[in-house]
Amino acid sequence: MICGEVLDRFSELGGPYAITFEDLKMNSFEAERNSFLEMKHTLLSDPRYQGKYVAVRDGLILDVDDDKVELAKRVYDKHGYVPIYIDRVQEKARIYEIPSPEIRRK
């Protein structure tokens, strides 16, 4: 039985066991993101991390690289497919503008 099926069985019981596999994954990811945000100021003051991508797991920096994809490959190869937060250490968050279709009325 896989992990998701086990959690689904516990969810059926209700009470303190009411948790889904998706909840567990999201909570783990959010915890890693919060760890990154808490240490971001310290990372910004360290030239080893400025402008680079870092991989965070359990509140620790696992690895750092200029290339996000190479960093992800290396970290997942070493630690397995577990919740890891990867983000760039930079002062301002990058803002993406995504165009959406517009409806023109005659």
Protein backbone atom coordinates (compact mmCIF):
# COMPACT_ATOMS: atom_id res chain seq x y z
CA MET A 1 0.00 0.00 0.00
CA ILE A 2 1.42 3.41 -0.91
CA CYS A 3 1.64 6.34 1.46
CA GLY A 4 -1.34 8.17 -0.05
CA GLU A 5 -3.60 5.15 0.40
CA VAL A 6 -2.55 4.79 4.04
CA LEU A 7 -3.34 8.45 4.72
CA ASP A 8 -6.69 8.10 2.95
CA ARG A 9 -7.59 5.19 5.23
CA PHE A 10 -6.73 7.29 8.29
CA SER A 11 -8.79 10.16 6.87
CA GLU A 12 -11.82 7.89 6.76
CA LEU A 13 -11.51 7.43 10.52
CA GLY A 14 -11.95 11.17 11.12
CA GLY A 15 -10.83 12.84 14.34
CA PRO A 16 -7.12 13.58 14.77
CA TYR A 17 -6.26 11.32 11.84
CA ALA A 18 -8.19 13.36 9.27
CA ILE A 19 -5.34 14.35 6.97
CA THR A 20 -4.84 13.87 3.25
CA PHE A 21 -1.70 13.15 1.28
CA GLU A 22 -2.06 16.55 -0.41
CA ASP A 23 -2.22 18.28 2.99
CA LEU A 24 0.99 16.57 4.08
CA LYS A 25 2.83 17.54 0.89
CA MET A 26 1.64 21.17 1.04
CA ASN A 27 2.45 21.58 4.73
CA SER A 28 5.96 20.23 4.14
CA PHE A 29 6.48 22.55 1.19
CA GLU A 30 5.17 25.55 3.12
CA ALA A 31 7.47 24.73 6.03
CA GLU A 32 10.48 24.70 3.69
CA ARG A 33 9.39 27.99 2.12
CA ASN A 34 8.95 29.59 5.54
CA SER A 35 12.44 28.41 6.51
CA PHE A 36 13.82 30.12 3.40
CA LEU A 37 11.97 33.35 4.14
CA GLU A 38 13.24 33.36 7.73
CA MET A 39 16.87 33.00 6.64
CA LYS A 40 16.65 35.20 3.54
CA HIS A 41 18.03 38.32 5.22
CA THR A 42 21.08 36.41 6.47
CA LEU A 43 21.61 34.84 3.05
CA LEU A 44 21.45 38.23 1.35
CA SER A 45 24.36 39.45 3.48
CA ASP A 46 26.54 36.47 2.51
CA PRO A 47 28.28 36.80 -0.90
CA ARG A 48 28.27 33.00 -1.34
CA TYR A 49 24.48 33.08 -1.77
CA GLN A 50 23.68 36.49 -3.31
CA GLY A 51 21.90 36.08 -6.65
CA LYS A 52 22.13 32.28 -6.52
CA TYR A 53 19.56 29.55 -6.05
CA VAL A 54 19.49 27.67 -2.77
CA ALA A 55 17.81 24.39 -1.88
CA VAL A 56 16.23 24.30 1.60
CA ARG A 57 15.19 21.19 3.54
CA ASP A 58 14.45 20.98 7.27
CA GLY A 59 15.57 24.59 7.72
CA LEU A 60 19.03 23.91 6.28
CA ILE A 61 20.72 24.95 3.05
CA LEU A 62 21.43 21.70 1.21
CA ASP A 63 23.15 23.16 -1.84
CA VAL A 64 23.60 26.32 -3.90
CA ASP A 65 24.01 26.94 -7.64
CA ASP A 66 23.60 29.57 -10.35
CA ASP A 67 21.38 27.18 -12.33
CA LYS A 68 18.04 26.21 -10.78
CA VAL A 69 17.59 23.06 -12.86
CA GLU A 70 21.08 21.71 -12.16
CA LEU A 71 20.59 22.43 -8.46
CA ALA A 72 17.28 20.55 -8.41
CA LYS A 73 18.77 17.54 -10.23
CA ARG A 74 21.72 17.35 -7.87
CA VAL A 75 19.63 17.73 -4.70
CA TYR A 76 16.98 15.20 -5.73
CA ASP A 77 19.67 12.72 -6.80
CA LYS A 78 21.30 13.00 -3.39
CA HIS A 79 18.23 13.27 -1.10
CA GLY A 80 15.47 11.57 -3.09
CA TYR A 81 12.15 13.09 -4.09
CA VAL A 82 11.26 14.85 -0.85
CA PRO A 83 9.80 18.35 -0.29
CA ILE A 84 12.61 20.81 -1.01
CA TYR A 85 12.16 24.53 -1.52
CA ILE A 86 14.36 26.13 -4.17
CA ASP A 87 14.47 29.88 -4.64
CA ARG A 88 16.85 32.62 -5.69
CA VAL A 89 18.44 34.75 -3.00
CA GLN A 90 17.66 38.28 -4.17
CA GLU A 91 16.41 41.48 -2.62
CA LYS A 92 13.20 41.83 -4.62
CA ALA A 93 10.98 39.03 -5.82
CA ARG A 94 10.81 38.61 -9.56
CA ILE A 95 7.44 39.64 -10.98
CA TYR A 96 6.11 37.77 -13.99
CA GLU A 97 3.56 39.34 -16.28
CA ILE A 98 1.49 36.75 -18.06
CA PRO A 99 -0.77 38.06 -20.79
CA SER A 100 -4.30 36.76 -20.82
CA PRO A 101 -6.77 36.60 -23.66
CA GLU A 102 -9.04 39.58 -24.06
CA ILE A 103 -12.57 39.60 -25.36
CA ARG A 104 -13.25 42.38 -27.83
CA ARG A 105 -16.82 43.47 -28.18
CA LYS A 106 -18.13 44.98 -31.37
